[in-house]
């Protein structure tokens, strides 16, 4: 009889303990000591030129957070899947992180075509994503981004070239996938407003290393300026191949492309390159930029104020702040609502704002041009409007 009572008592204790543990761990990826998060971006291949400084920026924020004791006593553990800048691999990596590793959220993603491939999977299963890349419409419920919409940047570049730049023959040169299509939305809106037409509309396939044929077509069409929505290596290749045939239009691209990464590839040939960017701190000796650089150099001493490093840093600052504000009783829904309710938020190197209907953080952009070895602002801050996303 006593043995039966003891067994019953032990069973009740075990049940109580297991019940308590299950309640404390009902949120996937969250334990008493850890928050497990995932990242999906290129760790190999040509696009690593962009993602390595991005990873340094974000990883430094994670490291600094853990060194300071974590978030409500929990350390962050970050697992990154290599997608090689391939949408199919991005989707596969996301499924692996969610279904096998059991991450709480995807914090860190790079690649417009890749996020477009991921969202049809992550939205139905309610996995939060904090990315840098602009999100395709309609506004996702569980995803947030911090960069300016590529549509907006293409819109402002097109308007500037046609109104301020005096360009008569404009060309559009783009990566033939979701990246190019996102840019086309803003470009077409500007053309419609100005009652203008393109002199050339030419795409290239992702990963192409020889763009001579496309550049020749731009030259033969008499194009004076080119809105180029492409990766950094492709922009550099187009500029170089244009120079070899003595064809030097004004190339106009995205802020993420037109900065230090392309400078490394082009050197002095970057002169005249125009770009639109939501980030000013990279070019200013601001407290935010100095603070970001100090944090990153603590863990990666040879780092410099690269656009991709700073945008990765801002990505990390937003995610960590939201995790902290969501409280100890962390759930995915609370994390998402926390970002939606943030309003204006200063990530140190980038001003952001969010709401339940605004999941794209950046509010404004400037147009710059490389002159005498440094970027010079050609405009004041230009507004980013939701109806162009």
Protein backbone atom coordinates (compact mmCIF):
# COMPACT_ATOMS: atom_id res chain seq x y z
CA UNK A 1 0.00 0.00 0.00
CA UNK A 2 2.81 2.37 0.96
CA UNK A 3 4.64 1.58 -2.28
CA UNK A 4 1.49 2.40 -4.25
CA UNK A 5 1.15 5.76 -2.45
CA UNK A 6 4.82 6.54 -3.06
CA UNK A 7 4.50 5.72 -6.74
CA UNK A 8 1.41 7.88 -7.01
CA UNK A 9 3.11 10.75 -5.20
CA UNK A 10 6.18 10.52 -7.43
CA UNK A 11 3.99 10.44 -10.53
CA UNK A 12 2.12 13.55 -9.37
CA UNK A 13 5.40 15.38 -8.68
CA UNK A 14 6.78 14.43 -12.09
CA UNK A 15 3.52 15.53 -13.75
CA UNK A 16 3.59 18.86 -11.92
CA UNK A 17 7.20 19.46 -12.84
CA UNK A 18 6.74 18.47 -16.47
CA UNK A 19 3.60 20.59 -16.65
CA UNK A 20 5.49 23.58 -15.29
CA UNK A 21 8.32 23.10 -17.77
CA UNK A 22 5.96 22.76 -20.71
CA UNK A 23 4.21 26.01 -19.78
CA UNK A 24 7.55 27.84 -19.50
CA UNK A 25 8.60 26.51 -22.87
CA UNK A 26 5.42 26.83 -24.89
CA UNK A 27 7.09 29.33 -27.23
CA UNK A 28 9.27 27.49 -29.71
CA UNK A 29 12.90 28.55 -29.52
CA UNK A 30 12.61 30.11 -26.06
CA UNK A 31 13.88 28.50 -22.85
CA UNK A 32 14.74 29.92 -19.44
CA UNK A 33 18.33 30.45 -20.59
CA UNK A 34 18.19 30.97 -24.33
CA UNK A 35 16.43 32.52 -27.32
CA UNK A 36 17.21 30.59 -30.48
CA UNK A 37 17.08 32.70 -33.66
CA UNK A 38 17.94 31.96 -37.27
CA UNK A 39 19.52 33.80 -40.18
CA UNK A 40 19.30 33.06 -43.91
CA UNK A 41 21.80 34.65 -46.30
CA UNK A 42 24.84 33.89 -48.45
CA UNK A 43 27.86 32.51 -46.59
CA UNK A 44 29.50 31.56 -49.89
CA UNK A 45 29.63 32.72 -53.49
CA UNK A 46 29.88 36.10 -55.16
CA UNK A 47 27.24 37.74 -52.95
CA UNK A 48 29.33 37.08 -49.83
CA UNK A 49 31.00 40.41 -50.59
CA UNK A 50 27.76 42.02 -49.38
CA UNK A 51 26.75 39.64 -46.60
CA UNK A 52 30.07 39.37 -44.75
CA UNK A 53 30.03 42.98 -43.45
CA UNK A 54 26.27 42.65 -42.86
CA UNK A 55 26.87 39.56 -40.72
CA UNK A 56 29.62 41.35 -38.79
CA UNK A 57 27.28 44.20 -37.93
CA UNK A 58 24.43 41.97 -36.76
CA UNK A 59 26.64 39.42 -34.99
CA UNK A 60 28.39 42.21 -33.07
CA UNK A 61 25.06 43.36 -31.64
CA UNK A 62 24.24 39.78 -30.63
CA UNK A 63 27.66 39.34 -29.03
CA UNK A 64 27.43 42.66 -27.18
CA UNK A 65 23.93 41.77 -25.92
CA UNK A 66 25.12 38.41 -24.62
CA UNK A 67 28.21 39.96 -23.01
CA UNK A 68 25.89 42.36 -21.17
CA UNK A 69 23.85 39.49 -19.75
CA UNK A 70 21.42 38.75 -22.54
CA UNK A 71 17.73 39.68 -22.70
CA UNK A 72 15.83 39.14 -19.44
CA UNK A 73 18.51 36.64 -18.46
CA UNK A 74 18.40 34.75 -21.76
CA UNK A 75 21.35 34.57 -24.14
CA UNK A 76 20.84 34.78 -27.89
CA UNK A 77 21.97 31.85 -30.03
CA UNK A 78 22.10 32.57 -33.77
CA UNK A 79 22.10 29.82 -36.40
CA UNK A 80 22.74 30.96 -39.97
CA UNK A 81 21.88 28.95 -43.08
CA UNK A 82 23.83 29.55 -46.32
CA UNK A 83 21.47 30.26 -49.22
CA UNK A 84 24.17 31.27 -51.73
CA UNK A 85 21.82 34.10 -52.81
CA UNK A 86 19.49 31.50 -54.33
CA UNK A 87 15.75 31.80 -53.57
CA UNK A 88 15.20 28.04 -53.53
CA UNK A 89 18.02 27.57 -51.02
CA UNK A 90 16.68 30.45 -48.93
CA UNK A 91 13.35 28.68 -48.67
CA UNK A 92 15.01 25.35 -47.87
CA UNK A 93 17.19 26.97 -45.22
CA UNK A 94 14.19 28.66 -43.65
CA UNK A 95 12.25 25.39 -43.47
CA UNK A 96 15.25 23.72 -41.85
CA UNK A 97 15.56 26.46 -39.22
CA UNK A 98 11.85 26.38 -38.43
CA UNK A 99 11.06 22.67 -38.63
CA UNK A 100 14.31 21.04 -37.53
CA UNK A 101 16.07 23.62 -35.37
CA UNK A 102 12.93 25.19 -33.88
CA UNK A 103 13.99 28.85 -34.03
CA UNK A 104 11.88 31.57 -32.44
CA UNK A 105 12.28 33.93 -35.41
CA UNK A 106 14.38 34.71 -38.47
CA UNK A 107 16.61 37.64 -37.49
CA UNK A 108 18.88 38.34 -40.44
CA UNK A 109 18.03 37.85 -44.11
CA UNK A 110 19.55 39.34 -47.25
CA UNK A 111 18.20 39.21 -50.81
CA UNK A 112 15.01 40.61 -52.32
CA UNK A 113 14.27 37.51 -54.47
CA UNK A 114 14.96 35.35 -51.42
CA UNK A 115 12.55 37.07 -49.05
CA UNK A 116 9.93 36.84 -51.79
CA UNK A 117 10.49 33.06 -51.84
CA UNK A 118 10.40 32.74 -48.04
CA UNK A 119 7.25 34.67 -47.16
CA UNK A 120 4.67 32.27 -48.68
CA UNK A 121 6.03 29.69 -46.22
CA UNK A 122 6.72 31.82 -43.11
CA UNK A 123 3.49 33.85 -43.09
CA UNK A 124 1.05 30.91 -42.77
CA UNK A 125 3.12 29.35 -39.97
CA UNK A 126 3.49 32.77 -38.26
CA UNK A 127 7.28 32.97 -38.09
CA UNK A 128 8.51 36.53 -37.44
CA UNK A 129 11.20 37.86 -39.78
CA UNK A 130 13.33 40.98 -39.26
CA UNK A 131 15.16 41.62 -42.52
CA UNK A 132 16.87 44.50 -44.28
CA UNK A 133 15.30 43.95 -47.68
CA UNK A 134 12.11 45.66 -48.85
CA UNK A 135 9.07 43.43 -48.58
CA UNK A 136 6.87 42.58 -51.57
CA UNK A 137 3.23 43.74 -51.35
CA UNK A 138 0.84 43.22 -49.72
CA UNK A 139 2.29 44.07 -46.28
CA UNK A 140 3.13 40.78 -44.51
CA UNK A 141 1.83 40.33 -40.97
CA UNK A 142 4.95 38.71 -39.50
CA UNK A 143 7.80 40.34 -41.44
CA UNK A 144 9.52 43.71 -41.00
CA UNK A 145 12.30 45.41 -42.96
CA UNK A 146 14.50 48.42 -42.30
CA UNK A 147 15.83 49.46 -45.71
CA UNK A 148 14.03 51.89 -47.97
CA UNK A 149 11.84 50.30 -50.57
CA UNK A 150 13.79 49.71 -53.78
CA UNK A 151 10.68 50.98 -55.56
CA UNK A 152 11.01 54.30 -53.77
CA UNK A 153 14.71 54.55 -54.49
CA UNK A 154 14.17 53.83 -58.18
CA UNK A 155 11.35 56.38 -58.20
CA UNK A 156 13.53 59.16 -56.76
CA UNK A 157 16.50 58.30 -59.00
CA UNK A 158 14.31 58.38 -62.10
CA UNK A 159 12.70 61.70 -61.18
CA UNK A 160 16.07 63.26 -60.33
CA UNK A 161 17.70 62.20 -63.58
CA UNK A 162 14.81 63.41 -65.74
CA UNK A 163 14.10 66.68 -63.92
CA UNK A 164 17.35 67.76 -62.25
CA UNK A 165 19.81 65.92 -64.44
CA UNK A 166 18.43 66.99 -67.78
CA UNK A 167 18.53 63.44 -69.12
CA UNK A 168 16.67 62.94 -72.40
CA UNK A 169 17.33 59.24 -72.96
CA UNK A 170 16.98 57.05 -69.87
CA UNK A 171 17.64 53.32 -69.71
CA UNK A 172 16.62 50.65 -67.21
CA UNK A 173 19.11 47.84 -66.56
CA UNK A 174 18.07 45.22 -64.03
CA UNK A 175 18.46 41.74 -62.61
CA UNK A 176 15.73 39.69 -64.26
CA UNK A 177 13.86 38.51 -61.16
CA UNK A 178 12.02 39.96 -58.14
CA UNK A 179 14.82 42.49 -57.60
CA UNK A 180 14.35 44.05 -61.02
CA UNK A 181 10.56 43.97 -60.77
CA UNK A 182 10.55 45.79 -57.43
CA UNK A 183 12.66 48.57 -58.96
CA UNK A 184 10.40 48.74 -61.99
CA UNK A 185 7.38 49.69 -59.84
CA UNK A 186 8.97 52.97 -58.75
CA UNK A 187 10.57 53.65 -62.11
CA UNK A 188 7.25 53.26 -63.94
CA UNK A 189 5.48 55.53 -61.46
CA UNK A 190 8.03 58.30 -62.07
CA UNK A 191 7.81 57.84 -65.85
CA UNK A 192 4.03 58.08 -65.71
CA UNK A 193 4.10 61.24 -63.59
CA UNK A 194 6.54 62.89 -66.01
CA UNK A 195 4.92 61.50 -69.17
CA UNK A 196 8.29 60.03 -70.15
CA UNK A 197 9.44 56.80 -71.78
CA UNK A 198 12.51 54.61 -71.57
CA UNK A 199 15.03 54.59 -74.38
CA UNK A 200 16.10 51.05 -73.41
CA UNK A 201 14.78 48.32 -71.09
CA UNK A 202 17.36 45.54 -70.65
CA UNK A 203 17.67 42.70 -68.13
CA UNK A 204 20.38 40.21 -67.22
CA UNK A 205 20.21 36.84 -65.50
CA UNK A 206 21.33 36.46 -61.89
CA UNK A 207 24.99 35.44 -61.65
CA UNK A 208 25.97 36.62 -65.13
CA UNK A 209 29.61 37.75 -65.30
CA UNK A 210 29.70 39.09 -68.86
CA UNK A 211 27.36 42.00 -69.56
CA UNK A 212 28.97 43.27 -72.77
CA UNK A 213 25.93 42.52 -74.92
CA UNK A 214 23.57 44.39 -72.60
CA UNK A 215 25.91 47.39 -72.25
CA UNK A 216 26.30 47.57 -76.02
CA UNK A 217 22.53 47.70 -76.40
CA UNK A 218 22.39 50.62 -73.95
CA UNK A 219 25.12 52.42 -75.88
CA UNK A 220 23.53 51.78 -79.25
CA UNK A 221 20.21 53.17 -77.94
CA UNK A 222 21.98 56.42 -77.06
CA UNK A 223 21.17 56.08 -73.36
CA UNK A 224 22.61 58.99 -71.34
CA UNK A 225 21.75 57.68 -67.86
CA UNK A 226 20.91 54.22 -66.55
CA UNK A 227 18.83 53.28 -63.53
CA UNK A 228 20.54 50.00 -62.65
CA UNK A 229 18.85 47.74 -60.09
CA UNK A 230 21.32 44.91 -59.68
CA UNK A 231 23.85 43.35 -57.33
CA UNK A 232 27.14 45.10 -56.55
CA UNK A 233 29.30 42.84 -58.75
CA UNK A 234 26.90 43.32 -61.69
CA UNK A 235 26.95 47.11 -61.31
CA UNK A 236 30.75 47.08 -61.20
CA UNK A 237 30.93 44.82 -64.25
CA UNK A 238 28.56 47.05 -66.26
CA UNK A 239 30.53 50.19 -65.41
CA UNK A 240 33.87 48.57 -66.26
CA UNK A 241 32.66 47.08 -69.53
CA UNK A 242 31.10 50.40 -70.49
CA UNK A 243 34.40 52.15 -69.85
CA UNK A 244 36.29 49.69 -72.06
CA UNK A 245 34.04 50.68 -74.99
CA UNK A 246 34.28 54.39 -74.08
CA UNK A 247 30.65 54.43 -73.01
CA UNK A 248 30.20 56.42 -69.81
CA UNK A 249 26.55 57.16 -69.01
CA UNK A 250 25.46 58.23 -65.54
CA UNK A 251 24.88 54.98 -63.68
CA UNK A 252 22.28 55.37 -60.90
CA UNK A 253 21.68 52.60 -58.36
CA UNK A 254 20.66 51.66 -54.82
CA UNK A 255 22.43 52.85 -51.67
CA UNK A 256 23.31 49.31 -50.65
CA UNK A 257 25.08 48.89 -54.00
CA UNK A 258 26.61 52.32 -54.57
CA UNK A 259 28.85 52.47 -51.51
CA UNK A 260 31.98 50.80 -50.19
CA UNK A 261 31.45 47.38 -51.71
CA UNK A 262 31.35 48.76 -55.25
CA UNK A 263 34.18 51.15 -54.41
CA UNK A 264 36.34 48.11 -53.67
CA UNK A 265 35.44 46.66 -57.05
CA UNK A 266 35.71 49.86 -59.09
CA UNK A 267 38.29 52.03 -57.41
CA UNK A 268 38.59 55.33 -59.29
CA UNK A 269 36.07 54.11 -61.88
CA UNK A 270 33.32 54.75 -59.33
CA UNK A 271 33.55 58.49 -60.13
CA UNK A 272 30.14 59.78 -61.23
CA UNK A 273 28.14 56.81 -59.89
CA UNK A 274 24.84 58.01 -58.44
CA UNK A 275 22.83 56.26 -55.74
CA UNK A 276 19.84 56.78 -53.45
CA UNK A 277 20.23 55.83 -49.80
CA UNK A 278 18.28 55.91 -46.55
CA UNK A 279 21.54 55.88 -44.58
CA UNK A 280 23.56 59.02 -43.97
CA UNK A 281 25.70 58.08 -41.00
CA UNK A 282 28.16 56.19 -43.17
CA UNK A 283 29.34 59.48 -44.63
CA UNK A 284 29.05 61.58 -41.47
CA UNK A 285 31.13 61.57 -38.29
CA UNK A 286 28.00 61.14 -36.19
CA UNK A 287 27.70 59.69 -32.66
CA UNK A 288 25.59 56.84 -34.03
CA UNK A 289 28.18 55.88 -36.62
CA UNK A 290 31.02 56.10 -34.09
CA UNK A 291 29.08 53.95 -31.62
CA UNK A 292 28.28 51.31 -34.24
CA UNK A 293 31.87 51.17 -35.44
CA UNK A 294 33.20 50.83 -31.90
CA UNK A 295 30.81 47.94 -31.19
CA UNK A 296 31.69 46.07 -34.37
CA UNK A 297 35.45 46.64 -34.01
CA UNK A 298 35.33 45.11 -30.54
CA UNK A 299 34.58 41.77 -32.20
CA UNK A 300 35.94 42.39 -35.71
CA UNK A 301 38.89 44.81 -35.32
CA UNK A 302 39.53 45.33 -39.04
CA UNK A 303 35.97 46.53 -39.82
CA UNK A 304 35.19 49.95 -41.30
CA UNK A 305 32.01 52.00 -41.79
CA UNK A 306 30.60 49.98 -44.67
CA UNK A 307 26.93 50.42 -45.62
CA UNK A 308 26.22 46.70 -45.26
CA UNK A 309 27.90 46.53 -41.86
CA UNK A 310 25.85 49.49 -40.60
CA UNK A 311 22.57 48.15 -41.96
CA UNK A 312 23.32 44.77 -40.32
CA UNK A 313 24.04 46.62 -37.08
CA UNK A 314 20.68 48.44 -37.33
CA UNK A 315 18.96 45.11 -38.06
CA UNK A 316 20.39 43.71 -34.83
CA UNK A 317 19.57 46.80 -32.75
CA UNK A 318 15.92 46.69 -33.82
CA UNK A 319 15.58 42.97 -33.11
CA UNK A 320 17.25 43.16 -29.69
CA UNK A 321 15.20 46.19 -28.65
CA UNK A 322 11.97 44.47 -29.67
CA UNK A 323 12.90 41.27 -27.81
CA UNK A 324 13.66 43.32 -24.71
CA UNK A 325 10.44 45.36 -24.92
CA UNK A 326 8.34 42.22 -25.47
CA UNK A 327 9.17 41.19 -21.90
CA UNK A 328 10.16 38.02 -20.12
CA UNK A 329 6.95 36.23 -21.14
CA UNK A 330 8.06 36.14 -24.77
CA UNK A 331 5.84 34.92 -27.60
CA UNK A 332 5.97 35.44 -31.35
CA UNK A 333 2.74 37.42 -31.30
CA UNK A 334 4.05 39.74 -28.57
CA UNK A 335 7.29 40.24 -30.50
CA UNK A 336 5.39 41.22 -33.66
CA UNK A 337 3.02 43.54 -31.79
CA UNK A 338 5.96 45.18 -30.02
CA UNK A 339 7.52 46.22 -33.33
CA UNK A 340 4.15 47.38 -34.70
CA UNK A 341 3.64 49.58 -31.62
CA UNK A 342 7.15 51.07 -31.62
CA UNK A 343 6.36 54.19 -33.62
CA UNK A 344 9.58 56.13 -34.28
CA UNK A 345 12.76 54.32 -33.28
CA UNK A 346 16.41 55.37 -33.52
CA UNK A 347 18.66 52.42 -34.37
CA UNK A 348 21.75 54.59 -33.98
CA UNK A 349 22.66 54.76 -37.65
CA UNK A 350 19.14 54.80 -39.08
CA UNK A 351 15.83 56.41 -38.10
CA UNK A 352 12.91 53.99 -38.36
CA UNK A 353 9.18 53.99 -37.73
CA UNK A 354 6.66 51.17 -37.60
CA UNK A 355 2.92 50.69 -37.13
CA UNK A 356 0.40 47.88 -37.67
CA UNK A 357 0.15 48.96 -41.33
CA UNK A 358 3.78 50.08 -41.81
CA UNK A 359 6.28 47.24 -41.62
CA UNK A 360 8.96 48.98 -43.71
CA UNK A 361 11.01 51.10 -41.34
CA UNK A 362 12.87 53.72 -43.39
CA UNK A 363 11.04 57.02 -43.91
CA UNK A 364 13.29 59.00 -46.27
CA UNK A 365 16.22 58.80 -48.67
CA UNK A 366 18.84 61.10 -50.19
CA UNK A 367 20.49 61.03 -53.59
CA UNK A 368 24.29 60.98 -53.64
CA UNK A 369 26.95 60.96 -56.34
CA UNK A 370 30.61 59.98 -56.16
CA UNK A 371 32.69 63.09 -56.81
CA UNK A 372 36.45 63.39 -56.27
CA UNK A 373 36.59 60.12 -54.37
CA UNK A 374 33.66 60.58 -51.97
CA UNK A 375 29.85 60.60 -52.04
CA UNK A 376 28.29 64.08 -52.21
CA UNK A 377 24.59 64.71 -51.45
CA UNK A 378 22.61 65.97 -54.43
CA UNK A 379 19.28 66.30 -52.63
CA UNK A 380 17.64 66.88 -49.27
CA UNK A 381 15.76 64.05 -47.59
CA UNK A 382 13.07 62.74 -49.95
CA UNK A 383 9.94 61.09 -48.52
CA UNK A 384 9.18 57.41 -48.79
CA UNK A 385 5.49 56.80 -49.42
CA UNK A 386 3.59 53.60 -48.64
CA UNK A 387 1.67 53.65 -51.92
CA UNK A 388 4.87 53.10 -53.90
CA UNK A 389 5.74 49.86 -52.10
